[in-house]
Amino acid sequence: MTKLSPAPLLFALASLLLCQCSAPPVPKPRGYFRITLPEHDYQEFESRLMPYKFDISKHSRVAKDDEKGAQETWSNIFYPTLNCKIHLTYLSLAESQQDLAFEDSHQFAYKHTVVADAIGERYYEDPQRHVFATLYQIKGNAASPIQFAITDSTGQFLRGSLYFYCRPNKDSLAPVIDYVNNDINHLIETFNWTNRNANNQQANR
């Protein structure tokens, strides 16, 4: 009778032990495409149709809002390579309506509470330029993760909202949101009303 060599038996036993001791497979974490963001670079934007001016990114473009019901002074700042826009809504209001307009902006931002992880508010004031602003940063899968409102405190009001042309996902969009957030801060810091003197003269008549 031919004797079996112990080598195959030992190999089989070792393989069995290794299979029993190995950890169960773990799925790889979900990854996202890396987004290449351009360097921040700005230029002044001013239009005879808009009663204000500010600096915008050279990687964006401004166009009049052509949606149905939009007013002449409503516009959008488009970021073609980032698949998003900042929608700007300008209103000329009586001084008594300023607080109501700011409250509406506050309520509009906090409508995202259901999906928001947190909502931060930042305030900006420059009395010399008559620029008073509130910036809302909405953390989470909100449809509009950044919103802001700017007023001159006497009759002019501008509201801005960031929107993406895709389903909101805080993890994949985080780098772009941070990028545009810097641009919005720069917009507010360079903002000026261009028709304030005309409005004051008309109010004094």
C-alpha atoms as a PDB file:
ATOM      1  CA  MET A   1       0.000   0.000   0.000  1.00  0.00           C
ATOM      2  CA  THR A   2       1.295   3.453  -0.952  1.00  0.00           C
ATOM      3  CA  LYS A   3       1.623   5.854   1.973  1.00  0.00           C
ATOM      4  CA  LEU A   4       0.275   9.382   1.571  1.00  0.00           C
ATOM      5  CA  SER A   5       2.785  12.180   1.977  1.00  0.00           C
ATOM      6  CA  PRO A   6       1.989  14.458   4.956  1.00  0.00           C
ATOM      7  CA  ALA A   7       2.741  17.607   2.901  1.00  0.00           C
ATOM      8  CA  PRO A   8      -0.651  17.786   1.086  1.00  0.00           C
ATOM      9  CA  LEU A   9      -2.478  17.184   4.378  1.00  0.00           C
ATOM     10  CA  LEU A  10      -0.574  19.974   6.143  1.00  0.00           C
ATOM     11  CA  PHE A  11      -1.210  22.365   3.217  1.00  0.00           C
ATOM     12  CA  ALA A  12      -4.937  21.627   3.264  1.00  0.00           C
ATOM     13  CA  LEU A  13      -5.101  22.107   7.037  1.00  0.00           C
ATOM     14  CA  ALA A  14      -3.228  25.447   6.825  1.00  0.00           C
ATOM     15  CA  SER A  15      -5.519  26.677   4.068  1.00  0.00           C
ATOM     16  CA  LEU A  16      -8.578  25.783   6.131  1.00  0.00           C
ATOM     17  CA  LEU A  17      -7.255  27.656   9.173  1.00  0.00           C
ATOM     18  CA  LEU A  18      -6.436  30.743   7.081  1.00  0.00           C
ATOM     19  CA  CYS A  19      -9.921  30.823   5.594  1.00  0.00           C
ATOM     20  CA  GLN A  20     -11.501  30.636   9.055  1.00  0.00           C
ATOM     21  CA  CYS A  21      -9.270  33.387  10.517  1.00  0.00           C
ATOM     22  CA  SER A  22      -9.529  35.932   7.679  1.00  0.00           C
ATOM     23  CA  ALA A  23     -11.817  38.927   8.283  1.00  0.00           C
ATOM     24  CA  PRO A  24     -15.055  39.214   6.300  1.00  0.00           C
ATOM     25  CA  PRO A  25     -14.799  41.433   3.207  1.00  0.00           C
ATOM     26  CA  VAL A  26     -15.542  45.125   3.833  1.00  0.00           C
ATOM     27  CA  PRO A  27     -17.000  47.225   1.008  1.00  0.00           C
ATOM     28  CA  LYS A  28     -14.889  50.178  -0.084  1.00  0.00           C
ATOM     29  CA  PRO A  29     -16.160  53.596   0.983  1.00  0.00           C
ATOM     30  CA  ARG A  30     -18.031  55.488  -1.691  1.00  0.00           C
ATOM     31  CA  GLY A  31     -15.748  57.817  -3.606  1.00  0.00           C
ATOM     32  CA  TYR A  32     -16.432  60.977  -5.581  1.00  0.00           C
ATOM     33  CA  PHE A  33     -14.807  62.466  -8.645  1.00  0.00           C
ATOM     34  CA  ARG A  34     -12.148  64.993  -7.758  1.00  0.00           C
ATOM     35  CA  ILE A  35     -13.251  68.490  -8.776  1.00  0.00           C
ATOM     36  CA  THR A  36     -10.548  70.797 -10.089  1.00  0.00           C
ATOM     37  CA  LEU A  37     -11.303  74.300  -8.855  1.00  0.00           C
ATOM     38  CA  PRO A  38      -9.743  77.363 -10.518  1.00  0.00           C
ATOM     39  CA  GLU A  39      -7.833  80.009  -8.597  1.00  0.00           C
ATOM     40  CA  HIS A  40      -9.955  82.845  -7.232  1.00  0.00           C
ATOM     41  CA  ASP A  41      -9.738  85.800  -9.595  1.00  0.00           C
ATOM     42  CA  TYR A  42     -12.193  88.704  -9.703  1.00  0.00           C
ATOM     43  CA  GLN A  43     -13.413  91.524 -11.885  1.00  0.00           C
ATOM     44  CA  GLU A  44     -15.959  94.279 -11.307  1.00  0.00           C
ATOM     45  CA  PHE A  45     -19.484  93.768 -12.586  1.00  0.00           C
ATOM     46  CA  GLU A  46     -21.763  96.714 -13.322  1.00  0.00           C
ATOM     47  CA  SER A  47     -24.805  96.987 -15.569  1.00  0.00           C
ATOM     48  CA  ARG A  48     -27.172  99.865 -16.337  1.00  0.00           C
ATOM     49  CA  LEU A  49     -30.048  97.457 -15.688  1.00  0.00           C
ATOM     50  CA  MET A  50     -28.896  96.644 -12.167  1.00  0.00           C
ATOM     51  CA  PRO A  51     -28.818  99.307  -9.404  1.00  0.00           C
ATOM     52  CA  TYR A  52     -25.655  97.899  -7.845  1.00  0.00           C
ATOM     53  CA  LYS A  53     -22.129  96.757  -8.635  1.00  0.00           C
ATOM     54  CA  PHE A  54     -19.722  94.256  -7.103  1.00  0.00           C
ATOM     55  CA  ASP A  55     -16.802  91.968  -7.897  1.00  0.00           C
ATOM     56  CA  ILE A  56     -17.524  88.564  -9.395  1.00  0.00           C
ATOM     57  CA  SER A  57     -15.333  85.615 -10.293  1.00  0.00           C
ATOM     58  CA  LYS A  58     -13.730  85.734 -13.728  1.00  0.00           C
ATOM     59  CA  HIS A  59     -14.873  82.113 -14.034  1.00  0.00           C
ATOM     60  CA  SER A  60     -18.537  83.134 -13.872  1.00  0.00           C
ATOM     61  CA  ARG A  61     -20.902  85.200 -16.006  1.00  0.00           C
ATOM     62  CA  VAL A  62     -23.964  87.313 -15.229  1.00  0.00           C
ATOM     63  CA  ALA A  63     -27.181  87.107 -17.223  1.00  0.00           C
ATOM     64  CA  LYS A  64     -30.626  88.590 -16.800  1.00  0.00           C
ATOM     65  CA  ASP A  65     -33.174  86.207 -15.312  1.00  0.00           C
ATOM     66  CA  ASP A  66     -35.336  85.138 -18.254  1.00  0.00           C
ATOM     67  CA  GLU A  67     -37.772  82.930 -16.344  1.00  0.00           C
ATOM     68  CA  LYS A  68     -41.464  83.748 -16.506  1.00  0.00           C
ATOM     69  CA  GLY A  69     -42.451  86.336 -13.926  1.00  0.00           C
ATOM     70  CA  ALA A  70     -38.895  87.605 -13.387  1.00  0.00           C
ATOM     71  CA  GLN A  71     -38.465  91.358 -12.984  1.00  0.00           C
ATOM     72  CA  GLU A  72     -36.104  93.506 -15.043  1.00  0.00           C
ATOM     73  CA  THR A  73     -33.584  93.776 -12.203  1.00  0.00           C
ATOM     74  CA  TRP A  74     -33.390  90.055 -11.410  1.00  0.00           C
ATOM     75  CA  SER A  75     -30.330  88.172 -12.614  1.00  0.00           C
ATOM     76  CA  ASN A  76     -28.191  85.041 -12.253  1.00  0.00           C
ATOM     77  CA  ILE A  77     -24.470  84.528 -11.778  1.00  0.00           C
ATOM     78  CA  PHE A  78     -23.646  81.325 -13.641  1.00  0.00           C
ATOM     79  CA  TYR A  79     -20.642  79.059 -13.006  1.00  0.00           C
ATOM     80  CA  PRO A  80     -20.562  76.954 -16.202  1.00  0.00           C
ATOM     81  CA  THR A  81     -17.784  74.605 -15.058  1.00  0.00           C
ATOM     82  CA  LEU A  82     -19.212  74.107 -11.547  1.00  0.00           C
ATOM     83  CA  ASN A  83     -22.810  73.401 -12.576  1.00  0.00           C
ATOM     84  CA  CYS A  84     -24.337  76.029 -10.307  1.00  0.00           C
ATOM     85  CA  LYS A  85     -25.720  79.569 -10.197  1.00  0.00           C
ATOM     86  CA  ILE A  86     -26.363  82.388  -7.723  1.00  0.00           C
ATOM     87  CA  HIS A  87     -29.872  83.748  -8.222  1.00  0.00           C
ATOM     88  CA  LEU A  88     -30.178  87.478  -7.434  1.00  0.00           C
ATOM     89  CA  THR A  89     -33.524  89.102  -6.635  1.00  0.00           C
ATOM     90  CA  TYR A  90     -33.578  92.897  -6.307  1.00  0.00           C
ATOM     91  CA  LEU A  91     -36.502  94.791  -4.792  1.00  0.00           C
ATOM     92  CA  SER A  92     -37.115  98.510  -4.298  1.00  0.00           C
ATOM     93  CA  LEU A  93     -39.097  98.835  -1.088  1.00  0.00           C
ATOM     94  CA  ALA A  94     -40.456 101.452   1.262  1.00  0.00           C
ATOM     95  CA  GLU A  95     -38.295 101.884   4.365  1.00  0.00           C
ATOM     96  CA  SER A  96     -41.082 100.392   6.471  1.00  0.00           C
ATOM     97  CA  GLN A  97     -40.881  97.172   4.447  1.00  0.00           C
ATOM     98  CA  GLN A  98     -37.161  96.534   5.028  1.00  0.00           C
ATOM     99  CA  ASP A  99     -37.618  94.552   8.219  1.00  0.00           C
ATOM    100  CA  LEU A 100     -40.334  92.440   6.581  1.00  0.00           C
ATOM    101  CA  ALA A 101     -38.055  91.677   3.619  1.00  0.00           C
ATOM    102  CA  PHE A 102     -35.240  90.576   5.943  1.00  0.00           C
ATOM    103  CA  GLU A 103     -37.662  88.437   7.924  1.00  0.00           C
ATOM    104  CA  ASP A 104     -38.851  86.786   4.697  1.00  0.00           C
ATOM    105  CA  SER A 105     -35.210  85.992   3.819  1.00  0.00           C
ATOM    106  CA  HIS A 106     -34.672  84.562   7.285  1.00  0.00           C
ATOM    107  CA  GLN A 107     -37.745  82.356   6.977  1.00  0.00           C
ATOM    108  CA  PHE A 108     -36.716  81.270   3.475  1.00  0.00           C
ATOM    109  CA  ALA A 109     -33.311  80.153   4.755  1.00  0.00           C
ATOM    110  CA  TYR A 110     -34.763  78.304   7.726  1.00  0.00           C
ATOM    111  CA  LYS A 111     -37.215  76.377   5.558  1.00  0.00           C
ATOM    112  CA  HIS A 112     -34.244  74.050   5.017  1.00  0.00           C
ATOM    113  CA  THR A 113     -34.190  73.091   8.722  1.00  0.00           C
ATOM    114  CA  VAL A 114     -35.701  69.682   7.888  1.00  0.00           C
ATOM    115  CA  VAL A 115     -32.640  68.621   5.860  1.00  0.00           C
ATOM    116  CA  ALA A 116     -30.027  70.930   7.421  1.00  0.00           C
ATOM    117  CA  ASP A 117     -27.438  69.721   9.922  1.00  0.00           C
ATOM    118  CA  ALA A 118     -26.909  73.318  11.044  1.00  0.00           C
ATOM    119  CA  ILE A 119     -27.525  76.877   9.866  1.00  0.00           C
ATOM    120  CA  GLY A 120     -24.935  79.562  10.492  1.00  0.00           C
ATOM    121  CA  GLU A 121     -25.468  83.311  10.180  1.00  0.00           C
ATOM    122  CA  ARG A 122     -22.822  85.928   9.480  1.00  0.00           C
ATOM    123  CA  TYR A 123     -23.481  89.666   9.622  1.00  0.00           C
ATOM    124  CA  TYR A 124     -21.738  92.407   7.642  1.00  0.00           C
ATOM    125  CA  GLU A 125     -22.093  96.179   8.035  1.00  0.00           C
ATOM    126  CA  ASP A 126     -20.486  99.093   6.241  1.00  0.00           C
ATOM    127  CA  PRO A 127     -22.395 102.304   7.083  1.00  0.00           C
ATOM    128  CA  GLN A 128     -20.231 104.397   4.740  1.00  0.00           C
ATOM    129  CA  ARG A 129     -21.375 102.359   1.753  1.00  0.00           C
ATOM    130  CA  HIS A 130     -24.852 101.798   3.243  1.00  0.00           C
ATOM    131  CA  VAL A 131     -24.353  98.035   2.947  1.00  0.00           C
ATOM    132  CA  PHE A 132     -25.913  95.828   5.605  1.00  0.00           C
ATOM    133  CA  ALA A 133     -25.924  92.084   4.917  1.00  0.00           C
ATOM    134  CA  THR A 134     -26.714  88.708   6.434  1.00  0.00           C
ATOM    135  CA  LEU A 135     -25.136  85.525   5.071  1.00  0.00           C
ATOM    136  CA  TYR A 136     -26.771  82.134   5.745  1.00  0.00           C
ATOM    137  CA  GLN A 137     -24.628  79.001   5.488  1.00  0.00           C
ATOM    138  CA  ILE A 138     -26.828  75.894   5.487  1.00  0.00           C
ATOM    139  CA  LYS A 139     -25.021  72.649   6.299  1.00  0.00           C
ATOM    140  CA  GLY A 140     -26.487  69.424   4.927  1.00  0.00           C
ATOM    141  CA  ASN A 141     -28.311  68.336   1.783  1.00  0.00           C
ATOM    142  CA  ALA A 142     -30.132  71.642   1.286  1.00  0.00           C
ATOM    143  CA  ALA A 143     -31.359  72.722  -2.140  1.00  0.00           C
ATOM    144  CA  SER A 144     -29.761  76.134  -1.551  1.00  0.00           C
ATOM    145  CA  PRO A 145     -26.745  75.788   0.789  1.00  0.00           C
ATOM    146  CA  ILE A 146     -25.822  79.506   0.797  1.00  0.00           C
ATOM    147  CA  GLN A 147     -28.193  82.461   0.903  1.00  0.00           C
ATOM    148  CA  PHE A 148     -27.709  86.136   1.662  1.00  0.00           C
ATOM    149  CA  ALA A 149     -29.594  89.413   1.897  1.00  0.00           C
ATOM    150  CA  ILE A 150     -28.219  92.941   1.417  1.00  0.00           C
ATOM    151  CA  THR A 151     -29.977  96.254   2.108  1.00  0.00           C
ATOM    152  CA  ASP A 152     -29.147  99.942   2.291  1.00  0.00           C
ATOM    153  CA  SER A 153     -31.602 100.171   5.243  1.00  0.00           C
ATOM    154  CA  THR A 154     -33.807 102.732   3.494  1.00  0.00           C
ATOM    155  CA  GLY A 155     -35.398 101.120   0.445  1.00  0.00           C
ATOM    156  CA  GLN A 156     -33.119  98.858  -1.600  1.00  0.00           C
ATOM    157  CA  PHE A 157     -32.955  95.132  -1.022  1.00  0.00           C
ATOM    158  CA  LEU A 158     -31.086  92.279  -2.727  1.00  0.00           C
ATOM    159  CA  ARG A 159     -31.420  88.575  -1.964  1.00  0.00           C
ATOM    160  CA  GLY A 160     -29.102  85.907  -3.325  1.00  0.00           C
ATOM    161  CA  SER A 161     -29.377  82.108  -3.308  1.00  0.00           C
ATOM    162  CA  LEU A 162     -26.947  79.446  -4.508  1.00  0.00           C
ATOM    163  CA  TYR A 163     -28.425  76.561  -6.506  1.00  0.00           C
ATOM    164  CA  PHE A 164     -26.889  73.498  -8.157  1.00  0.00           C
ATOM    165  CA  TYR A 165     -28.114  71.811 -11.318  1.00  0.00           C
ATOM    166  CA  CYS A 166     -27.987  68.416  -9.641  1.00  0.00           C
ATOM    167  CA  ARG A 167     -29.337  66.577  -6.626  1.00  0.00           C
ATOM    168  CA  PRO A 168     -27.827  68.100  -3.451  1.00  0.00           C
ATOM    169  CA  ASN A 169     -25.172  65.934  -1.784  1.00  0.00           C
ATOM    170  CA  LYS A 170     -23.147  67.643   0.936  1.00  0.00           C
ATOM    171  CA  ASP A 171     -20.169  65.261   0.597  1.00  0.00           C
ATOM    172  CA  SER A 172     -19.628  65.539  -3.143  1.00  0.00           C
ATOM    173  CA  LEU A 173     -20.489  69.259  -3.360  1.00  0.00           C
ATOM    174  CA  ALA A 174     -18.576  70.420  -0.273  1.00  0.00           C
ATOM    175  CA  PRO A 175     -15.466  71.675  -2.170  1.00  0.00           C
ATOM    176  CA  VAL A 176     -17.590  73.653  -4.641  1.00  0.00           C
ATOM    177  CA  ILE A 177     -19.773  75.123  -1.880  1.00  0.00           C
ATOM    178  CA  ASP A 178     -16.673  76.304  -0.016  1.00  0.00           C
ATOM    179  CA  TYR A 179     -15.282  77.763  -3.233  1.00  0.00           C
ATOM    180  CA  VAL A 180     -18.439  79.714  -4.100  1.00  0.00           C
ATOM    181  CA  ASN A 181     -18.813  80.763  -0.466  1.00  0.00           C
ATOM    182  CA  ASN A 182     -15.503  82.643  -0.785  1.00  0.00           C
ATOM    183  CA  ASP A 183     -16.816  84.370  -3.911  1.00  0.00           C
ATOM    184  CA  ILE A 184     -20.045  85.375  -2.154  1.00  0.00           C
ATOM    185  CA  ASN A 185     -18.107  86.828   0.775  1.00  0.00           C
ATOM    186  CA  HIS A 186     -16.024  88.807  -1.711  1.00  0.00           C
ATOM    187  CA  LEU A 187     -19.206  89.959  -3.482  1.00  0.00           C
ATOM    188  CA  ILE A 188     -20.608  91.338  -0.216  1.00  0.00           C
ATOM    189  CA  GLU A 189     -17.320  93.014   0.743  1.00  0.00           C
ATOM    190  CA  THR A 190     -17.120  94.825  -2.632  1.00  0.00           C
ATOM    191  CA  PHE A 191     -20.835  95.584  -2.995  1.00  0.00           C
ATOM    192  CA  ASN A 192     -21.963  99.142  -3.782  1.00  0.00           C
ATOM    193  CA  TRP A 193     -25.315 100.706  -4.641  1.00  0.00           C
ATOM    194  CA  THR A 194     -25.115 102.678  -7.889  1.00  0.00           C
ATOM    195  CA  ASN A 195     -28.443 104.547  -7.797  1.00  0.00           C
ATOM    196  CA  ARG A 196     -28.561 105.572  -4.160  1.00  0.00           C
ATOM    197  CA  ASN A 197     -28.101 109.306  -4.845  1.00  0.00           C
ATOM    198  CA  ALA A 198     -30.918 109.266  -7.402  1.00  0.00           C
ATOM    199  CA  ASN A 199     -33.192 107.483  -4.946  1.00  0.00           C
ATOM    200  CA  ASN A 200     -32.397 109.990  -2.189  1.00  0.00           C
ATOM    201  CA  GLN A 201     -33.115 112.965  -4.473  1.00  0.00           C
ATOM    202  CA  GLN A 202     -36.435 111.439  -5.507  1.00  0.00           C
ATOM    203  CA  ALA A 203     -37.369 110.750  -1.878  1.00  0.00           C
ATOM    204  CA  ASN A 204     -36.611 114.364  -0.895  1.00  0.00           C
ATOM    205  CA  ARG A 205     -38.882 115.874  -3.553  1.00  0.00           C
END
